Amino acid sequence: MNLSRQFPQLAKADFFEDMSSADISQFIDACELRTVPSGTVVLEQGKLVTGMILIAHGCIEVSLMNCEGHVAIIHHAREGETLGEIEAISCEPCLASCTSVGPATVLHCPVSLLAESLTNPLVRRNVMRITQSRLLRDNHRKYMDQNYPLDRRVCAYLLRLADRNNRVPQSQGYIANLANCSRQSINRALAVLREDGLISVEKGKIRLQDRDGLERRLAGQ
């Protein structure tokens, strides 16, 4: 089966905005399907990429390590998001590492295919739009990390990490690392959210019970 038929939801990816169905299918079908187990580094910081990654299923953690070995988690990319397109276009080393969180299915778009697709002005525009969206997202998260109290930041982390079934696969320790605080502080914040009926925690697994309520709490309402 063609990849475009196997993953029809990818036609809605930002990378393909306003493109014709024929052009989208042609591009997707020219990609290479890769199924990776949890913990697989699909793009490595400091290394040249061989192509762009389009996520068909699963979650990919984007993280940055500084010269002292400290790691910052930047983003959790999900279905329909692309990774590595800027590095593939610029032929520059990867700015961050991209690692699967749980099993993932991705499409690998070779540099040659991406270069050919750039003749389409819609592709060029969409790559710029994706880049601008990332800048806005990262600016907002930096502001949030520096100015929001822990309880509101925890709401943001839960909303960011939850899958389509409102489950958060990561542990409380993982969230504590995101928030740069102790696990005890995270547990206290989660306990308040649980008492308010916004989340449930069973056997260390977190599930969102009221996504709208978490959004309101994040907004300070």
Protein backbone atom coordinates (compact mmCIF):
# COMPACT_ATOMS: atom_id res chain seq x y z
CA MET A 1 0.00 0.00 0.00
CA ASN A 2 1.22 3.50 -0.82
CA LEU A 3 2.28 5.54 2.19
CA SER A 4 -0.21 8.27 1.30
CA ARG A 5 -3.04 5.72 1.61
CA GLN A 6 -1.54 4.16 4.71
CA PHE A 7 -1.30 7.52 6.51
CA PRO A 8 -4.05 9.73 5.00
CA GLN A 9 -4.01 11.99 8.09
CA LEU A 10 -0.60 13.33 7.05
CA ALA A 11 -2.21 15.26 4.19
CA LYS A 12 -3.33 17.73 6.88
CA ALA A 13 0.24 18.39 8.06
CA ASP A 14 1.34 22.04 8.06
CA PHE A 15 4.08 21.16 5.59
CA PHE A 16 1.39 20.44 2.95
CA GLU A 17 -0.92 23.40 3.57
CA ASP A 18 -2.80 24.47 0.41
CA MET A 19 -0.99 21.90 -1.75
CA SER A 20 -2.91 19.73 -4.20
CA SER A 21 -3.83 16.18 -3.23
CA ALA A 22 -1.73 14.86 -6.11
CA ASP A 23 1.39 16.74 -4.99
CA ILE A 24 0.92 15.67 -1.38
CA SER A 25 0.52 12.00 -2.32
CA GLN A 26 3.52 12.12 -4.63
CA PHE A 27 5.70 13.56 -1.89
CA ILE A 28 4.57 11.16 0.83
CA ASP A 29 4.90 8.11 -1.43
CA ALA A 30 8.51 9.08 -2.20
CA CYS A 31 9.45 8.99 1.49
CA GLU A 32 10.91 6.04 3.38
CA LEU A 33 8.85 4.44 6.16
CA ARG A 34 10.70 3.90 9.44
CA THR A 35 9.33 2.27 12.59
CA VAL A 36 11.51 3.00 15.60
CA PRO A 37 11.43 1.65 19.18
CA SER A 38 11.34 3.88 22.22
CA GLY A 39 14.57 5.77 22.87
CA THR A 40 15.69 5.86 19.24
CA VAL A 41 17.60 8.99 18.23
CA VAL A 42 16.16 9.88 14.83
CA LEU A 43 18.18 13.11 14.55
CA GLU A 44 21.36 13.78 16.53
CA GLN A 45 22.57 17.16 17.69
CA GLY A 46 25.74 18.26 15.90
CA LYS A 47 25.39 15.72 13.09
CA LEU A 48 24.41 16.37 9.49
CA VAL A 49 20.95 15.10 8.60
CA THR A 50 20.14 12.88 5.63
CA GLY A 51 16.65 14.27 5.29
CA MET A 52 13.53 15.64 6.95
CA ILE A 53 11.44 13.59 9.38
CA LEU A 54 7.64 13.60 9.16
CA ILE A 55 5.95 11.99 12.17
CA ALA A 56 3.21 9.54 11.23
CA HIS A 57 2.57 8.16 14.73
CA GLY A 58 4.01 8.62 18.19
CA CYS A 59 5.95 11.30 20.03
CA ILE A 60 9.47 12.62 19.43
CA GLU A 61 11.29 14.53 22.19
CA VAL A 62 13.44 17.43 21.00
CA SER A 63 16.29 18.20 23.40
CA LEU A 64 19.39 20.39 23.44
CA MET A 65 22.64 19.66 25.29
CA ASN A 66 25.07 22.48 26.12
CA CYS A 67 28.85 22.25 26.27
CA GLU A 68 28.67 21.34 29.98
CA GLY A 69 26.44 18.36 29.35
CA HIS A 70 23.22 19.88 30.68
CA VAL A 71 20.11 18.87 28.72
CA ALA A 72 17.07 21.06 28.09
CA ILE A 73 13.88 19.54 26.70
CA ILE A 74 12.59 21.92 24.05
CA HIS A 75 9.52 20.29 22.53
CA HIS A 76 7.50 17.12 22.11
CA ALA A 77 6.64 16.68 18.43
CA ARG A 78 3.66 14.57 17.42
CA GLU A 79 1.75 13.30 14.40
CA GLY A 80 2.01 15.57 11.38
CA GLU A 81 4.98 17.59 12.64
CA THR A 82 8.24 17.81 10.75
CA LEU A 83 11.79 17.76 12.10
CA GLY A 84 15.12 18.59 10.51
CA GLU A 85 13.85 20.41 7.43
CA ILE A 86 15.89 23.55 8.12
CA GLU A 87 19.09 21.54 8.59
CA ALA A 88 18.33 19.52 5.47
CA ILE A 89 17.84 22.67 3.41
CA SER A 90 20.83 24.54 4.85
CA CYS A 91 23.18 21.51 4.99
CA GLU A 92 24.07 22.52 8.55
CA PRO A 93 24.45 20.20 11.59
CA CYS A 94 21.33 19.40 13.58
CA LEU A 95 20.60 21.97 16.29
CA ALA A 96 19.04 19.46 18.69
CA SER A 97 18.57 15.75 19.22
CA CYS A 98 15.22 14.14 18.42
CA THR A 99 14.44 10.95 20.35
CA SER A 100 11.34 8.76 20.23
CA VAL A 101 9.27 8.64 23.42
CA GLY A 102 7.68 5.24 23.11
CA PRO A 103 7.43 3.45 19.74
CA ALA A 104 7.07 5.82 16.80
CA THR A 105 6.47 5.67 13.07
CA VAL A 106 8.12 8.32 10.91
CA LEU A 107 8.60 9.06 7.24
CA HIS A 108 12.13 9.98 6.14
CA CYS A 109 12.25 12.51 3.32
CA PRO A 110 15.73 12.48 1.69
CA VAL A 111 17.53 15.75 1.14
CA SER A 112 17.21 15.30 -2.62
CA LEU A 113 13.42 14.98 -2.42
CA LEU A 114 13.13 17.99 -0.14
CA ALA A 115 15.34 20.08 -2.46
CA GLU A 116 13.17 19.14 -5.42
CA SER A 117 10.00 20.03 -3.53
CA LEU A 118 11.31 23.53 -2.80
CA THR A 119 10.60 24.46 -6.41
CA ASN A 120 6.98 24.61 -5.25
CA PRO A 121 6.39 28.09 -3.74
CA LEU A 122 3.81 26.63 -1.34
CA VAL A 123 6.45 24.36 0.17
CA ARG A 124 8.81 27.30 0.64
CA ARG A 125 6.06 29.32 2.28
CA ASN A 126 5.00 26.45 4.52
CA VAL A 127 8.56 25.85 5.74
CA MET A 128 8.78 29.53 6.70
CA ARG A 129 5.41 29.36 8.45
CA ILE A 130 6.50 26.30 10.42
CA THR A 131 9.70 28.08 11.42
CA GLN A 132 7.80 31.19 12.53
CA SER A 133 5.38 29.03 14.54
CA ARG A 134 8.29 27.41 16.35
CA LEU A 135 9.80 30.78 17.20
CA LEU A 136 6.49 31.97 18.63
CA ARG A 137 6.04 28.73 20.58
CA ASP A 138 9.54 28.81 22.04
CA ASN A 139 9.24 32.52 22.93
CA HIS A 140 5.98 31.84 24.74
CA ARG A 141 7.41 28.88 26.64
CA LYS A 142 10.47 30.87 27.68
CA TYR A 143 8.19 33.61 29.01
CA MET A 144 6.08 31.01 30.80
CA ASP A 145 9.09 29.32 32.40
CA GLN A 146 10.43 32.63 33.67
CA ASN A 147 7.18 34.23 34.83
CA TYR A 148 4.50 31.62 35.58
CA PRO A 149 4.22 30.00 39.03
CA LEU A 150 4.80 26.26 39.23
CA ASP A 151 1.12 25.30 39.37
CA ARG A 152 0.40 26.99 36.04
CA ARG A 153 3.56 25.60 34.44
CA VAL A 154 2.55 22.07 35.46
CA CYS A 155 -0.77 22.59 33.66
CA ALA A 156 1.16 23.60 30.54
CA TYR A 157 3.44 20.55 30.76
CA LEU A 158 0.50 18.17 31.17
CA LEU A 159 -1.34 19.65 28.20
CA ARG A 160 1.83 19.46 26.13
CA LEU A 161 2.66 15.86 27.05
CA ALA A 162 -0.82 14.30 26.89
CA ASP A 163 -1.59 12.06 23.91
CA ARG A 164 -4.86 11.97 21.96
CA ASN A 165 -6.38 9.78 24.70
CA ASN A 166 -5.47 12.36 27.38
CA ARG A 167 -2.83 10.08 28.88
CA VAL A 168 0.55 11.42 29.99
CA PRO A 169 3.10 8.62 29.40
CA GLN A 170 5.92 10.43 31.19
CA SER A 171 6.58 10.10 34.92
CA GLN A 172 6.38 12.72 37.65
CA GLY A 173 10.18 12.73 37.68
CA TYR A 174 10.19 13.61 33.99
CA ILE A 175 7.84 16.53 34.62
CA ALA A 176 10.05 17.66 37.52
CA ASN A 177 12.98 17.75 35.10
CA LEU A 178 10.94 19.88 32.69
CA ALA A 179 10.04 22.28 35.50
CA ASN A 180 13.57 22.26 36.95
CA CYS A 181 12.27 21.55 40.43
CA SER A 182 12.06 18.68 42.92
CA ARG A 183 9.73 15.73 42.48
CA GLN A 184 8.15 16.59 45.83
CA SER A 185 7.11 19.99 44.46
CA ILE A 186 5.62 18.36 41.37
CA ASN A 187 3.74 15.82 43.47
CA ARG A 188 2.21 18.63 45.55
CA ALA A 189 1.12 20.49 42.41
CA LEU A 190 -0.36 17.31 40.92
CA ALA A 191 -2.20 16.58 44.18
CA VAL A 192 -3.99 19.94 43.96
CA LEU A 193 -5.00 19.28 40.33
CA ARG A 194 -6.26 15.83 41.29
CA GLU A 195 -8.29 17.18 44.21
CA ASP A 196 -9.87 19.71 41.84
CA GLY A 197 -10.87 16.91 39.44
CA LEU A 198 -8.63 18.10 36.61
CA ILE A 199 -6.46 14.97 36.49
CA SER A 200 -6.34 11.44 37.86
CA VAL A 201 -3.23 9.58 38.99
CA GLU A 202 -3.29 5.79 39.21
CA LYS A 203 -0.18 3.69 39.74
CA GLY A 204 1.95 6.68 38.81
CA LYS A 205 0.11 7.20 35.50
CA ILE A 206 -1.50 10.59 34.87
CA ARG A 207 -4.65 11.11 32.83
CA LEU A 208 -6.29 14.43 32.01
CA GLN A 209 -9.90 14.47 33.21
CA ASP A 210 -10.75 18.07 32.35
CA ARG A 211 -8.61 19.52 29.54
CA ASP A 212 -10.66 22.71 29.39
CA GLY A 213 -10.22 23.16 33.13
CA LEU A 214 -6.46 22.81 32.78
CA GLU A 215 -6.51 25.39 29.99
CA ARG A 216 -8.38 27.81 32.27
CA ARG A 217 -5.98 27.13 35.14
CA LEU A 218 -3.03 27.76 32.80
CA ALA A 219 -4.61 31.08 31.80
CA GLY A 220 -4.87 32.03 35.48
CA GLN A 221 -8.67 31.86 35.56
